């Protein structure tokens, strides 16, 4: 982010995220290049901290989330690696996840998708008020390749793209490009990569022109389309099923998962 000074006092609890201010807009930059921007638990929670900051700091009005290099975010770090200095409250379950906090933020949240965007990274983009994607961005919903029955995707993806396309993307786990993502309604704006920063800023300013109280009510009504999110089933599987362990191990060993047939 050239020309934007890093500010002190905006620590998000992890070295994998940094918060930078540009007037009344905060940029939350996903910046963990050694791990291709994979989220640690503290990074997921740091996104929640960023959203809360823009909603409580009188000098801030909107948040833009973006990545570095050719990666927005590929999802959680399947190797279980964390960074020195990461901080988290104790006893978090699904409260760790930032997706509903992003969705429900009174202050506008814009995703500026600069490159590879999948798994938890794609959920961040989908839960933002507006997702603006570079024309070089690529997308994927790989959770079932990892043995994860992802509750957020099961609720959110059909609301965005319809049941047939949601089945296609979830069950095939195929990659697709920014043009297809826009065509199927996964996101609304695709711009040349060189224009991504200015387009994301423009989207934030457009949302800020609308009436704040009315905007919150419209968002509440829109978000009802997602229905209930079954985190209980998802976290039970993560704790008790062999499939997530096999899926993550296969990913680390760069091999196909060896699933047991039901």
C-alpha atoms as a PDB file:
ATOM      1  CA  UNK A   1       0.000   0.000   0.000  1.00  0.00           C
ATOM      2  CA  UNK A   2       2.177   2.779  -1.258  1.00  0.00           C
ATOM      3  CA  UNK A   3       1.674   6.214   0.214  1.00  0.00           C
ATOM      4  CA  UNK A   4      -0.171   5.000   3.324  1.00  0.00           C
ATOM      5  CA  UNK A   5       1.709   5.355   6.585  1.00  0.00           C
ATOM      6  CA  UNK A   6       1.475   2.536   9.093  1.00  0.00           C
ATOM      7  CA  UNK A   7      -0.043   3.838  12.310  1.00  0.00           C
ATOM      8  CA  UNK A   8       0.793   2.851  15.857  1.00  0.00           C
ATOM      9  CA  UNK A   9      -1.858   1.737  18.325  1.00  0.00           C
ATOM     10  CA  UNK A  10      -3.720  -0.402  15.782  1.00  0.00           C
ATOM     11  CA  UNK A  11      -2.282  -3.774  16.742  1.00  0.00           C
ATOM     12  CA  UNK A  12      -4.611  -6.594  15.633  1.00  0.00           C
ATOM     13  CA  UNK A  13      -2.918  -9.236  17.771  1.00  0.00           C
ATOM     14  CA  UNK A  14      -0.937 -10.898  15.011  1.00  0.00           C
ATOM     15  CA  UNK A  15       1.988 -10.114  12.739  1.00  0.00           C
ATOM     16  CA  UNK A  16       0.033 -11.613   9.818  1.00  0.00           C
ATOM     17  CA  UNK A  17      -2.300  -8.618   9.642  1.00  0.00           C
ATOM     18  CA  UNK A  18      -1.555  -4.933   9.636  1.00  0.00           C
ATOM     19  CA  UNK A  19      -3.961  -2.056   9.867  1.00  0.00           C
ATOM     20  CA  UNK A  20      -3.224   1.117   7.932  1.00  0.00           C
ATOM     21  CA  UNK A  21      -5.208   4.344   7.824  1.00  0.00           C
ATOM     22  CA  UNK A  22      -6.054   6.434   4.804  1.00  0.00           C
ATOM     23  CA  UNK A  23      -8.265   9.243   6.003  1.00  0.00           C
ATOM     24  CA  UNK A  24     -11.487   7.748   7.307  1.00  0.00           C
ATOM     25  CA  UNK A  25     -10.807   4.384   5.641  1.00  0.00           C
ATOM     26  CA  UNK A  26      -8.848   1.614   7.359  1.00  0.00           C
ATOM     27  CA  UNK A  27      -7.038  -0.996   5.290  1.00  0.00           C
ATOM     28  CA  UNK A  28      -6.588  -4.414   6.889  1.00  0.00           C
ATOM     29  CA  UNK A  29      -3.755  -6.008   4.932  1.00  0.00           C
ATOM     30  CA  UNK A  30      -3.310  -9.778   5.040  1.00  0.00           C
ATOM     31  CA  UNK A  31       0.467 -10.014   4.976  1.00  0.00           C
ATOM     32  CA  UNK A  32       1.962 -13.410   5.781  1.00  0.00           C
ATOM     33  CA  UNK A  33       3.923 -14.113   2.599  1.00  0.00           C
ATOM     34  CA  UNK A  34       6.008 -16.970   4.017  1.00  0.00           C
ATOM     35  CA  UNK A  35       2.760 -18.955   4.370  1.00  0.00           C
ATOM     36  CA  UNK A  36       1.049 -17.507   1.271  1.00  0.00           C
ATOM     37  CA  UNK A  37      -1.265 -15.476   3.542  1.00  0.00           C
ATOM     38  CA  UNK A  38      -2.786 -18.550   5.194  1.00  0.00           C
ATOM     39  CA  UNK A  39      -4.774 -17.576   8.271  1.00  0.00           C
ATOM     40  CA  UNK A  40      -3.637 -18.516  11.747  1.00  0.00           C
ATOM     41  CA  UNK A  41      -6.345 -18.545  14.444  1.00  0.00           C
ATOM     42  CA  UNK A  42      -5.050 -15.179  15.640  1.00  0.00           C
ATOM     43  CA  UNK A  43      -5.365 -13.786  12.117  1.00  0.00           C
ATOM     44  CA  UNK A  44      -8.996 -14.881  11.907  1.00  0.00           C
ATOM     45  CA  UNK A  45      -9.641 -13.209  15.238  1.00  0.00           C
ATOM     46  CA  UNK A  46      -7.611 -10.185  14.143  1.00  0.00           C
ATOM     47  CA  UNK A  47     -10.107  -9.604  11.343  1.00  0.00           C
ATOM     48  CA  UNK A  48     -12.813  -9.366  14.006  1.00  0.00           C
ATOM     49  CA  UNK A  49     -10.665  -6.857  15.869  1.00  0.00           C
ATOM     50  CA  UNK A  50     -10.298  -4.786  12.698  1.00  0.00           C
ATOM     51  CA  UNK A  51     -14.050  -4.687  12.159  1.00  0.00           C
ATOM     52  CA  UNK A  52     -14.652  -3.698  15.765  1.00  0.00           C
ATOM     53  CA  UNK A  53     -12.040  -0.952  15.473  1.00  0.00           C
ATOM     54  CA  UNK A  54     -13.712   0.764  12.521  1.00  0.00           C
ATOM     55  CA  UNK A  55     -17.007   0.622  14.399  1.00  0.00           C
ATOM     56  CA  UNK A  56     -15.637   2.231  17.556  1.00  0.00           C
ATOM     57  CA  UNK A  57     -12.931   4.646  16.381  1.00  0.00           C
ATOM     58  CA  UNK A  58     -14.515   8.045  15.614  1.00  0.00           C
ATOM     59  CA  UNK A  59     -11.817   8.762  13.038  1.00  0.00           C
ATOM     60  CA  UNK A  60     -12.707   5.679  10.958  1.00  0.00           C
ATOM     61  CA  UNK A  61     -15.796   4.965   8.876  1.00  0.00           C
ATOM     62  CA  UNK A  62     -15.048   1.952   6.655  1.00  0.00           C
ATOM     63  CA  UNK A  63     -12.759  -1.061   6.349  1.00  0.00           C
ATOM     64  CA  UNK A  64     -11.115  -2.500   3.243  1.00  0.00           C
ATOM     65  CA  UNK A  65      -9.588  -5.973   3.518  1.00  0.00           C
ATOM     66  CA  UNK A  66      -6.922  -6.932   0.981  1.00  0.00           C
ATOM     67  CA  UNK A  67      -3.901  -9.184   0.571  1.00  0.00           C
ATOM     68  CA  UNK A  68      -0.335  -8.877  -0.638  1.00  0.00           C
ATOM     69  CA  UNK A  69       1.385  -9.987  -3.811  1.00  0.00           C
ATOM     70  CA  UNK A  70      -0.697 -12.434  -5.847  1.00  0.00           C
ATOM     71  CA  UNK A  71      -2.636 -13.830  -2.862  1.00  0.00           C
ATOM     72  CA  UNK A  72      -5.696 -12.488  -1.078  1.00  0.00           C
ATOM     73  CA  UNK A  73      -6.132 -15.428   1.319  1.00  0.00           C
ATOM     74  CA  UNK A  74      -6.201 -19.219   0.821  1.00  0.00           C
ATOM     75  CA  UNK A  75      -8.008 -20.005   4.079  1.00  0.00           C
ATOM     76  CA  UNK A  76      -6.692 -21.415   7.314  1.00  0.00           C
ATOM     77  CA  UNK A  77      -3.147 -22.680   7.766  1.00  0.00           C
ATOM     78  CA  UNK A  78      -3.647 -26.448   7.503  1.00  0.00           C
ATOM     79  CA  UNK A  79      -0.209 -27.076   8.938  1.00  0.00           C
ATOM     80  CA  UNK A  80      -1.333 -25.634  12.251  1.00  0.00           C
ATOM     81  CA  UNK A  81       1.528 -23.149  12.243  1.00  0.00           C
ATOM     82  CA  UNK A  82       1.247 -19.934  14.192  1.00  0.00           C
ATOM     83  CA  UNK A  83       3.369 -16.821  14.450  1.00  0.00           C
ATOM     84  CA  UNK A  84       5.333 -15.615  17.454  1.00  0.00           C
ATOM     85  CA  UNK A  85       3.378 -12.951  19.274  1.00  0.00           C
ATOM     86  CA  UNK A  86      -0.065 -14.106  18.123  1.00  0.00           C
ATOM     87  CA  UNK A  87      -2.621 -13.375  20.840  1.00  0.00           C
ATOM     88  CA  UNK A  88      -6.093 -14.861  21.339  1.00  0.00           C
ATOM     89  CA  UNK A  89      -8.692 -14.896  24.110  1.00  0.00           C
ATOM     90  CA  UNK A  90      -9.063 -18.290  25.779  1.00  0.00           C
ATOM     91  CA  UNK A  91     -11.932 -20.680  25.179  1.00  0.00           C
ATOM     92  CA  UNK A  92     -12.993 -19.618  21.687  1.00  0.00           C
ATOM     93  CA  UNK A  93     -15.014 -22.002  19.538  1.00  0.00           C
ATOM     94  CA  UNK A  94     -16.766 -20.747  16.426  1.00  0.00           C
ATOM     95  CA  UNK A  95     -16.557 -17.278  18.017  1.00  0.00           C
ATOM     96  CA  UNK A  96     -13.021 -17.266  16.615  1.00  0.00           C
ATOM     97  CA  UNK A  97     -14.354 -16.975  13.071  1.00  0.00           C
ATOM     98  CA  UNK A  98     -14.739 -13.444  11.644  1.00  0.00           C
ATOM     99  CA  UNK A  99     -17.356 -14.085   8.978  1.00  0.00           C
ATOM    100  CA  UNK A 100     -20.515 -13.060  10.834  1.00  0.00           C
ATOM    101  CA  UNK A 101     -18.740 -10.052  12.337  1.00  0.00           C
ATOM    102  CA  UNK A 102     -17.822  -8.895   8.823  1.00  0.00           C
ATOM    103  CA  UNK A 103     -21.365  -9.565   7.576  1.00  0.00           C
ATOM    104  CA  UNK A 104     -23.053  -7.679  10.414  1.00  0.00           C
ATOM    105  CA  UNK A 105     -20.703  -4.682  10.629  1.00  0.00           C
ATOM    106  CA  UNK A 106     -22.572  -1.347  10.701  1.00  0.00           C
ATOM    107  CA  UNK A 107     -19.497   0.271   9.146  1.00  0.00           C
ATOM    108  CA  UNK A 108     -18.987  -0.737   5.496  1.00  0.00           C
ATOM    109  CA  UNK A 109     -16.551  -3.584   4.845  1.00  0.00           C
ATOM    110  CA  UNK A 110     -15.104  -3.928   1.352  1.00  0.00           C
ATOM    111  CA  UNK A 111     -12.981  -6.833   0.107  1.00  0.00           C
ATOM    112  CA  UNK A 112     -10.274  -5.936  -2.419  1.00  0.00           C
ATOM    113  CA  UNK A 113      -9.447  -9.374  -3.815  1.00  0.00           C
ATOM    114  CA  UNK A 114      -5.983  -9.102  -5.307  1.00  0.00           C
ATOM    115  CA  UNK A 115      -5.250 -12.739  -6.172  1.00  0.00           C
ATOM    116  CA  UNK A 116      -5.782 -16.304  -4.958  1.00  0.00           C
ATOM    117  CA  UNK A 117      -8.968 -16.384  -2.898  1.00  0.00           C
ATOM    118  CA  UNK A 118     -10.357 -19.597  -1.492  1.00  0.00           C
ATOM    119  CA  UNK A 119     -11.745 -21.342   1.597  1.00  0.00           C
ATOM    120  CA  UNK A 120     -11.872 -18.874   4.514  1.00  0.00           C
ATOM    121  CA  UNK A 121     -10.482 -16.151   2.279  1.00  0.00           C
ATOM    122  CA  UNK A 122     -13.414 -16.466  -0.092  1.00  0.00           C
ATOM    123  CA  UNK A 123     -15.834 -16.371   2.838  1.00  0.00           C
ATOM    124  CA  UNK A 124     -14.285 -13.068   3.926  1.00  0.00           C
ATOM    125  CA  UNK A 125     -14.918 -11.698   0.426  1.00  0.00           C
ATOM    126  CA  UNK A 126     -18.475 -13.047   0.284  1.00  0.00           C
ATOM    127  CA  UNK A 127     -19.415 -11.644   3.686  1.00  0.00           C
ATOM    128  CA  UNK A 128     -18.109  -8.168   2.837  1.00  0.00           C
ATOM    129  CA  UNK A 129     -20.654  -5.576   1.747  1.00  0.00           C
ATOM    130  CA  UNK A 130     -18.984  -5.342  -1.659  1.00  0.00           C
ATOM    131  CA  UNK A 131     -16.214  -7.522  -3.063  1.00  0.00           C
ATOM    132  CA  UNK A 132     -14.065  -5.939  -5.771  1.00  0.00           C
ATOM    133  CA  UNK A 133     -11.806  -8.441  -7.520  1.00  0.00           C
ATOM    134  CA  UNK A 134      -8.731  -8.032  -9.659  1.00  0.00           C
ATOM    135  CA  UNK A 135      -9.128  -9.619 -13.063  1.00  0.00           C
ATOM    136  CA  UNK A 136      -6.220 -11.904 -12.133  1.00  0.00           C
ATOM    137  CA  UNK A 137      -7.959 -13.292  -9.027  1.00  0.00           C
ATOM    138  CA  UNK A 138      -8.844 -16.987  -8.853  1.00  0.00           C
ATOM    139  CA  UNK A 139     -11.289 -18.761  -6.587  1.00  0.00           C
ATOM    140  CA  UNK A 140     -12.005 -22.173  -5.095  1.00  0.00           C
ATOM    141  CA  UNK A 141     -14.145 -23.824  -2.413  1.00  0.00           C
ATOM    142  CA  UNK A 142     -11.825 -26.688  -1.342  1.00  0.00           C
ATOM    143  CA  UNK A 143     -13.334 -27.622   2.047  1.00  0.00           C
ATOM    144  CA  UNK A 144     -14.583 -31.076   1.025  1.00  0.00           C
ATOM    145  CA  UNK A 145     -11.113 -31.926  -0.275  1.00  0.00           C
ATOM    146  CA  UNK A 146      -9.995 -31.409   3.330  1.00  0.00           C
ATOM    147  CA  UNK A 147     -12.885 -33.396   4.841  1.00  0.00           C
ATOM    148  CA  UNK A 148     -14.515 -30.301   6.358  1.00  0.00           C
ATOM    149  CA  UNK A 149     -18.345 -29.972   6.295  1.00  0.00           C
ATOM    150  CA  UNK A 150     -18.170 -26.189   6.277  1.00  0.00           C
ATOM    151  CA  UNK A 151     -21.301 -24.698   7.830  1.00  0.00           C
ATOM    152  CA  UNK A 152     -20.749 -21.143   6.612  1.00  0.00           C
ATOM    153  CA  UNK A 153     -20.470 -22.206   2.972  1.00  0.00           C
ATOM    154  CA  UNK A 154     -23.532 -24.446   3.246  1.00  0.00           C
ATOM    155  CA  UNK A 155     -25.563 -21.410   4.328  1.00  0.00           C
ATOM    156  CA  UNK A 156     -23.928 -18.629   2.331  1.00  0.00           C
ATOM    157  CA  UNK A 157     -23.023 -20.065  -1.054  1.00  0.00           C
ATOM    158  CA  UNK A 158     -26.556 -21.012  -2.201  1.00  0.00           C
ATOM    159  CA  UNK A 159     -27.786 -17.547  -1.215  1.00  0.00           C
ATOM    160  CA  UNK A 160     -25.190 -15.996  -3.513  1.00  0.00           C
ATOM    161  CA  UNK A 161     -25.198 -18.294  -6.532  1.00  0.00           C
ATOM    162  CA  UNK A 162     -28.219 -20.633  -6.236  1.00  0.00           C
ATOM    163  CA  UNK A 163     -28.356 -24.262  -5.176  1.00  0.00           C
ATOM    164  CA  UNK A 164     -27.208 -25.810  -8.470  1.00  0.00           C
ATOM    165  CA  UNK A 165     -24.066 -23.690  -8.758  1.00  0.00           C
ATOM    166  CA  UNK A 166     -23.375 -24.054  -5.023  1.00  0.00           C
ATOM    167  CA  UNK A 167     -23.480 -27.848  -5.421  1.00  0.00           C
ATOM    168  CA  UNK A 168     -21.095 -27.587  -8.373  1.00  0.00           C
ATOM    169  CA  UNK A 169     -18.546 -25.435  -6.549  1.00  0.00           C
ATOM    170  CA  UNK A 170     -18.730 -27.296  -3.216  1.00  0.00           C
ATOM    171  CA  UNK A 171     -18.790 -30.862  -4.521  1.00  0.00           C
ATOM    172  CA  UNK A 172     -16.252 -30.443  -7.331  1.00  0.00           C
ATOM    173  CA  UNK A 173     -13.908 -28.051  -5.477  1.00  0.00           C
ATOM    174  CA  UNK A 174     -12.828 -26.775  -8.895  1.00  0.00           C
ATOM    175  CA  UNK A 175     -10.968 -23.537  -9.517  1.00  0.00           C
ATOM    176  CA  UNK A 176     -12.612 -20.670 -11.394  1.00  0.00           C
ATOM    177  CA  UNK A 177     -11.600 -17.196 -12.476  1.00  0.00           C
ATOM    178  CA  UNK A 178     -12.825 -13.705 -11.677  1.00  0.00           C
ATOM    179  CA  UNK A 179     -15.003 -13.460 -14.783  1.00  0.00           C
ATOM    180  CA  UNK A 180     -16.921 -16.586 -13.784  1.00  0.00           C
ATOM    181  CA  UNK A 181     -17.152 -15.426 -10.169  1.00  0.00           C
ATOM    182  CA  UNK A 182     -18.855 -12.247 -11.350  1.00  0.00           C
ATOM    183  CA  UNK A 183     -21.072 -14.054 -13.869  1.00  0.00           C
ATOM    184  CA  UNK A 184     -22.485 -16.474 -11.285  1.00  0.00           C
ATOM    185  CA  UNK A 185     -23.065 -13.729  -8.706  1.00  0.00           C
ATOM    186  CA  UNK A 186     -20.375 -14.695  -6.236  1.00  0.00           C
ATOM    187  CA  UNK A 187     -19.127 -11.103  -6.302  1.00  0.00           C
ATOM    188  CA  UNK A 188     -20.235  -7.964  -8.063  1.00  0.00           C
ATOM    189  CA  UNK A 189     -17.193  -6.085  -9.386  1.00  0.00           C
ATOM    190  CA  UNK A 190     -14.127  -7.107 -11.407  1.00  0.00           C
ATOM    191  CA  UNK A 191     -11.540  -4.510 -12.416  1.00  0.00           C
ATOM    192  CA  UNK A 192      -8.067  -4.482 -13.996  1.00  0.00           C
ATOM    193  CA  UNK A 193      -5.479  -5.344 -11.384  1.00  0.00           C
ATOM    194  CA  UNK A 194      -3.883  -1.907 -11.577  1.00  0.00           C
ATOM    195  CA  UNK A 195      -7.227  -0.304 -10.674  1.00  0.00           C
ATOM    196  CA  UNK A 196      -8.069  -2.526  -7.689  1.00  0.00           C
ATOM    197  CA  UNK A 197      -7.023  -0.147  -4.941  1.00  0.00           C
ATOM    198  CA  UNK A 198      -8.878   2.862  -6.334  1.00  0.00           C
ATOM    199  CA  UNK A 199     -11.946   0.761  -7.160  1.00  0.00           C
ATOM    200  CA  UNK A 200     -12.119  -0.619  -3.612  1.00  0.00           C
ATOM    201  CA  UNK A 201     -11.776   2.861  -2.146  1.00  0.00           C
ATOM    202  CA  UNK A 202     -14.514   4.127  -4.475  1.00  0.00           C
ATOM    203  CA  UNK A 203     -16.812   1.287  -3.379  1.00  0.00           C
ATOM    204  CA  UNK A 204     -16.291   2.214   0.271  1.00  0.00           C
ATOM    205  CA  UNK A 205     -17.045   5.873  -0.412  1.00  0.00           C
ATOM    206  CA  UNK A 206     -20.200   4.925  -2.338  1.00  0.00           C
ATOM    207  CA  UNK A 207     -21.547   2.900   0.595  1.00  0.00           C
ATOM    208  CA  UNK A 208     -20.674   5.698   3.015  1.00  0.00           C
ATOM    209  CA  UNK A 209     -22.983   8.054   1.108  1.00  0.00           C
ATOM    210  CA  UNK A 210     -26.007   6.022   2.211  1.00  0.00           C
ATOM    211  CA  UNK A 211     -27.981   6.622   5.419  1.00  0.00           C
ATOM    212  CA  UNK A 212     -26.299   4.623   8.222  1.00  0.00           C
ATOM    213  CA  UNK A 213     -29.379   3.550  10.210  1.00  0.00           C
ATOM    214  CA  UNK A 214     -31.345   2.581   7.104  1.00  0.00           C
ATOM    215  CA  UNK A 215     -28.299   0.759   5.741  1.00  0.00           C
ATOM    216  CA  UNK A 216     -28.069  -1.387   8.873  1.00  0.00           C
ATOM    217  CA  UNK A 217     -31.725  -2.364   8.542  1.00  0.00           C
ATOM    218  CA  UNK A 218     -31.348  -3.276   4.866  1.00  0.00           C
ATOM    219  CA  UNK A 219     -28.295  -5.369   5.685  1.00  0.00           C
ATOM    220  CA  UNK A 220     -30.234  -7.156   8.424  1.00  0.00           C
ATOM    221  CA  UNK A 221     -33.019  -8.027   5.979  1.00  0.00           C
ATOM    222  CA  UNK A 222     -30.563  -9.176   3.317  1.00  0.00           C
ATOM    223  CA  UNK A 223     -28.656 -11.327   5.788  1.00  0.00           C
ATOM    224  CA  UNK A 224     -31.814 -13.235   6.705  1.00  0.00           C
ATOM    225  CA  UNK A 225     -31.436 -15.019   3.364  1.00  0.00           C
ATOM    226  CA  UNK A 226     -28.514 -16.979   4.776  1.00  0.00           C
ATOM    227  CA  UNK A 227     -30.675 -18.777   7.335  1.00  0.00           C
ATOM    228  CA  UNK A 228     -29.144 -20.690  10.234  1.00  0.00           C
ATOM    229  CA  UNK A 229     -25.474 -21.656  10.200  1.00  0.00           C
ATOM    230  CA  UNK A 230     -24.901 -25.115  11.692  1.00  0.00           C
ATOM    231  CA  UNK A 231     -21.568 -24.610  13.435  1.00  0.00           C
ATOM    232  CA  UNK A 232     -22.371 -27.422  15.881  1.00  0.00           C
ATOM    233  CA  UNK A 233     -22.103 -30.077  13.159  1.00  0.00           C
ATOM    234  CA  UNK A 234     -19.010 -28.479  11.657  1.00  0.00           C
ATOM    235  CA  UNK A 235     -17.072 -28.274  14.918  1.00  0.00           C
ATOM    236  CA  UNK A 236     -18.160 -31.776  15.951  1.00  0.00           C
ATOM    237  CA  UNK A 237     -16.641 -33.100  12.716  1.00  0.00           C
ATOM    238  CA  UNK A 238     -13.429 -31.145  13.253  1.00  0.00           C
ATOM    239  CA  UNK A 239     -13.106 -32.653  16.743  1.00  0.00           C
ATOM    240  CA  UNK A 240     -14.298 -36.220  16.139  1.00  0.00           C
ATOM    241  CA  UNK A 241     -14.215 -37.198  12.457  1.00  0.00           C
ATOM    242  CA  UNK A 242     -11.166 -38.800  10.843  1.00  0.00           C
ATOM    243  CA  UNK A 243     -11.860 -37.054   7.531  1.00  0.00           C
ATOM    244  CA  UNK A 244     -10.548 -33.575   8.421  1.00  0.00           C
ATOM    245  CA  UNK A 245      -7.358 -35.116   9.795  1.00  0.00           C
ATOM    246  CA  UNK A 246      -6.858 -37.197   6.645  1.00  0.00           C
ATOM    247  CA  UNK A 247      -7.703 -34.266   4.377  1.00  0.00           C
ATOM    248  CA  UNK A 248      -5.243 -31.949   6.093  1.00  0.00           C
ATOM    249  CA  UNK A 249      -2.536 -34.623   6.251  1.00  0.00           C
ATOM    250  CA  UNK A 250      -2.954 -35.347   2.540  1.00  0.00           C
ATOM    251  CA  UNK A 251      -2.642 -31.635   1.787  1.00  0.00           C
ATOM    252  CA  UNK A 252       0.593 -31.393   3.791  1.00  0.00           C
ATOM    253  CA  UNK A 253       1.992 -34.518   2.101  1.00  0.00           C
ATOM    254  CA  UNK A 254       0.881 -33.311  -1.362  1.00  0.00           C
ATOM    255  CA  UNK A 255      -1.099 -36.462  -2.111  1.00  0.00           C
ATOM    256  CA  UNK A 256      -4.713 -37.413  -2.733  1.00  0.00           C
ATOM    257  CA  UNK A 257      -6.754 -38.110   0.405  1.00  0.00           C
ATOM    258  CA  UNK A 258      -7.475 -41.763   1.165  1.00  0.00           C
ATOM    259  CA  UNK A 259     -11.126 -41.614   2.175  1.00  0.00           C
ATOM    260  CA  UNK A 260     -12.882 -44.541   3.823  1.00  0.00           C
ATOM    261  CA  UNK A 261     -16.069 -45.315   1.923  1.00  0.00           C
ATOM    262  CA  UNK A 262     -19.269 -44.889   3.918  1.00  0.00           C
END
